[in-house]
Amino acid sequence: SSGINAEYGYSDGNMMVYFNGGCYFTPYSGSGHEVLFQYSDLVSPAVVGCVVGRGRAVLSGVHPEVTAEDLTDPSHLESVMEQLRRHAADPDKVMDSIFNFLDNT
């Protein structure tokens, strides 16, 4: 799992959500994207959003939908599972922030 910092919606610092070697996004000037969250250790965008036509889209390199109970290999992922348990409310904050961005049309 990885910590991410809020750039949009929540500004209460570091949050912990599941990250499985996924992607990060390279800033591109003129693309019209907005950084919603960035990785706290990589300082790279973890979740970005943009306007598409009359709607909005979000791309995420983290998995706020994954909980400790979703992980199936406790021996290999015990430390990750413990971090996710300690920060169980953080994924909901991330999803709330994403939904707020999407609803802001």
C-alpha atoms as a PDB file:
ATOM      1  CA  SER A   1       0.000   0.000   0.000  1.00  0.00           C
ATOM      2  CA  SER A   2       1.080   3.539  -0.492  1.00  0.00           C
ATOM      3  CA  GLY A   3       0.399   6.891   1.046  1.00  0.00           C
ATOM      4  CA  ILE A   4      -1.108   9.590  -1.098  1.00  0.00           C
ATOM      5  CA  ASN A   5      -1.493  13.273  -0.400  1.00  0.00           C
ATOM      6  CA  ALA A   6      -4.696  15.109  -1.187  1.00  0.00           C
ATOM      7  CA  GLU A   7      -4.559  17.858  -3.766  1.00  0.00           C
ATOM      8  CA  TYR A   8      -8.321  18.177  -4.245  1.00  0.00           C
ATOM      9  CA  GLY A   9     -11.235  18.039  -1.845  1.00  0.00           C
ATOM     10  CA  TYR A  10      -9.396  16.945   1.269  1.00  0.00           C
ATOM     11  CA  SER A  11      -6.326  18.698   2.533  1.00  0.00           C
ATOM     12  CA  ASP A  12      -5.818  16.788   5.761  1.00  0.00           C
ATOM     13  CA  GLY A  13      -2.495  15.359   4.683  1.00  0.00           C
ATOM     14  CA  ASN A  14      -1.409  11.825   4.041  1.00  0.00           C
ATOM     15  CA  MET A  15      -3.920   9.040   3.408  1.00  0.00           C
ATOM     16  CA  MET A  16      -3.236   5.340   2.944  1.00  0.00           C
ATOM     17  CA  VAL A  17      -4.831   3.317   0.140  1.00  0.00           C
ATOM     18  CA  TYR A  18      -3.854   0.125  -1.676  1.00  0.00           C
ATOM     19  CA  PHE A  19      -1.283   0.455  -4.437  1.00  0.00           C
ATOM     20  CA  ASN A  20       0.010  -2.600  -6.279  1.00  0.00           C
ATOM     21  CA  GLY A  21       2.882  -1.348  -8.401  1.00  0.00           C
ATOM     22  CA  GLY A  22       0.452   0.587 -10.538  1.00  0.00           C
ATOM     23  CA  CYS A  23       1.034   3.660 -12.583  1.00  0.00           C
ATOM     24  CA  TYR A  24       1.679   7.295 -11.945  1.00  0.00           C
ATOM     25  CA  PHE A  25       0.904  10.127 -14.296  1.00  0.00           C
ATOM     26  CA  THR A  26       3.415  12.463 -15.897  1.00  0.00           C
ATOM     27  CA  PRO A  27       2.320  16.110 -15.821  1.00  0.00           C
ATOM     28  CA  TYR A  28       1.824  17.518 -19.298  1.00  0.00           C
ATOM     29  CA  SER A  29       1.325  21.254 -19.652  1.00  0.00           C
ATOM     30  CA  GLY A  30      -1.706  22.207 -21.661  1.00  0.00           C
ATOM     31  CA  SER A  31      -3.461  18.887 -21.091  1.00  0.00           C
ATOM     32  CA  GLY A  32      -6.146  20.429 -18.883  1.00  0.00           C
ATOM     33  CA  HIS A  33      -5.812  17.715 -16.253  1.00  0.00           C
ATOM     34  CA  GLU A  34      -6.029  18.339 -12.534  1.00  0.00           C
ATOM     35  CA  VAL A  35      -4.012  16.388  -9.975  1.00  0.00           C
ATOM     36  CA  LEU A  36      -6.468  15.037  -7.401  1.00  0.00           C
ATOM     37  CA  PHE A  37      -3.923  13.038  -5.374  1.00  0.00           C
ATOM     38  CA  GLN A  38      -0.203  12.493  -5.546  1.00  0.00           C
ATOM     39  CA  TYR A  39       1.982   9.751  -4.107  1.00  0.00           C
ATOM     40  CA  SER A  40       3.571  10.968  -0.895  1.00  0.00           C
ATOM     41  CA  ASP A  41       6.801   9.065  -1.531  1.00  0.00           C
ATOM     42  CA  LEU A  42       7.101   9.603  -5.304  1.00  0.00           C
ATOM     43  CA  VAL A  43       5.674  13.127  -5.464  1.00  0.00           C
ATOM     44  CA  SER A  44       4.043  12.051  -8.731  1.00  0.00           C
ATOM     45  CA  PRO A  45       0.348  12.243  -9.569  1.00  0.00           C
ATOM     46  CA  ALA A  46      -1.549   9.154  -8.337  1.00  0.00           C
ATOM     47  CA  VAL A  47      -5.056  10.257  -9.379  1.00  0.00           C
ATOM     48  CA  VAL A  48      -5.836  12.796 -12.085  1.00  0.00           C
ATOM     49  CA  GLY A  49      -9.046  14.197 -13.468  1.00  0.00           C
ATOM     50  CA  CYS A  50      -9.967  16.136 -16.588  1.00  0.00           C
ATOM     51  CA  VAL A  51     -12.888  17.539 -18.526  1.00  0.00           C
ATOM     52  CA  VAL A  52     -13.978  15.427 -21.493  1.00  0.00           C
ATOM     53  CA  GLY A  53     -16.615  16.997 -23.691  1.00  0.00           C
ATOM     54  CA  ARG A  54     -19.460  17.924 -21.328  1.00  0.00           C
ATOM     55  CA  GLY A  55     -18.356  15.457 -18.644  1.00  0.00           C
ATOM     56  CA  ARG A  56     -15.374  14.585 -16.521  1.00  0.00           C
ATOM     57  CA  ALA A  57     -13.040  11.593 -16.279  1.00  0.00           C
ATOM     58  CA  VAL A  58     -10.723  10.265 -13.583  1.00  0.00           C
ATOM     59  CA  LEU A  59      -7.663   8.027 -13.944  1.00  0.00           C
ATOM     60  CA  SER A  60      -6.279   6.341 -10.835  1.00  0.00           C
ATOM     61  CA  GLY A  61      -3.052   4.486 -10.169  1.00  0.00           C
ATOM     62  CA  VAL A  62      -4.241   3.487  -6.675  1.00  0.00           C
ATOM     63  CA  HIS A  63      -7.052   1.165  -5.604  1.00  0.00           C
ATOM     64  CA  PRO A  64      -9.292   2.823  -3.006  1.00  0.00           C
ATOM     65  CA  GLU A  65     -11.827   0.015  -3.541  1.00  0.00           C
ATOM     66  CA  VAL A  66      -9.466  -2.608  -2.039  1.00  0.00           C
ATOM     67  CA  THR A  67      -9.698  -3.316   1.700  1.00  0.00           C
ATOM     68  CA  ALA A  68      -7.492  -5.494   3.911  1.00  0.00           C
ATOM     69  CA  GLU A  69     -10.142  -8.212   3.717  1.00  0.00           C
ATOM     70  CA  ASP A  70      -9.877  -8.275  -0.084  1.00  0.00           C
ATOM     71  CA  LEU A  71      -6.244  -9.381   0.024  1.00  0.00           C
ATOM     72  CA  THR A  72      -5.853 -13.150  -0.130  1.00  0.00           C
ATOM     73  CA  ASP A  73      -2.226 -13.818   0.800  1.00  0.00           C
ATOM     74  CA  PRO A  74      -1.893 -12.810   4.460  1.00  0.00           C
ATOM     75  CA  SER A  75       1.630 -14.194   4.889  1.00  0.00           C
ATOM     76  CA  HIS A  76       2.990 -12.063   2.068  1.00  0.00           C
ATOM     77  CA  LEU A  77       0.845  -8.971   2.663  1.00  0.00           C
ATOM     78  CA  GLU A  78       0.407  -8.852   6.446  1.00  0.00           C
ATOM     79  CA  SER A  79       2.130  -5.469   6.854  1.00  0.00           C
ATOM     80  CA  VAL A  80       0.077  -4.013   4.002  1.00  0.00           C
ATOM     81  CA  MET A  81      -3.121  -5.435   5.483  1.00  0.00           C
ATOM     82  CA  GLU A  82      -2.295  -3.920   8.887  1.00  0.00           C
ATOM     83  CA  GLN A  83      -1.700  -0.492   7.335  1.00  0.00           C
ATOM     84  CA  LEU A  84      -5.004  -0.706   5.475  1.00  0.00           C
ATOM     85  CA  ARG A  85      -6.812  -1.666   8.702  1.00  0.00           C
ATOM     86  CA  ARG A  86      -5.291   1.284  10.583  1.00  0.00           C
ATOM     87  CA  HIS A  87      -6.375   3.658   7.805  1.00  0.00           C
ATOM     88  CA  ALA A  88      -9.737   2.050   7.011  1.00  0.00           C
ATOM     89  CA  ALA A  89     -11.542   5.403   6.558  1.00  0.00           C
ATOM     90  CA  ASP A  90      -9.020   6.786   4.045  1.00  0.00           C
ATOM     91  CA  PRO A  91     -10.337   5.003   0.922  1.00  0.00           C
ATOM     92  CA  ASP A  92     -13.790   6.494   1.542  1.00  0.00           C
ATOM     93  CA  LYS A  93     -12.232   9.963   1.717  1.00  0.00           C
ATOM     94  CA  VAL A  94     -10.455   9.334  -1.582  1.00  0.00           C
ATOM     95  CA  MET A  95     -13.659   8.123  -3.247  1.00  0.00           C
ATOM     96  CA  ASP A  96     -15.641  11.071  -1.844  1.00  0.00           C
ATOM     97  CA  SER A  97     -13.097  13.446  -3.294  1.00  0.00           C
ATOM     98  CA  ILE A  98     -13.198  11.699  -6.691  1.00  0.00           C
ATOM     99  CA  PHE A  99     -17.014  11.788  -6.740  1.00  0.00           C
ATOM    100  CA  ASN A 100     -16.961  15.482  -5.780  1.00  0.00           C
ATOM    101  CA  PHE A 101     -14.657  16.173  -8.719  1.00  0.00           C
ATOM    102  CA  LEU A 102     -16.884  14.196 -11.096  1.00  0.00           C
ATOM    103  CA  ASP A 103     -20.026  15.944  -9.834  1.00  0.00           C
ATOM    104  CA  ASN A 104     -18.525  19.416 -10.242  1.00  0.00           C
ATOM    105  CA  THR A 105     -19.734  19.952 -13.813  1.00  0.00           C
END
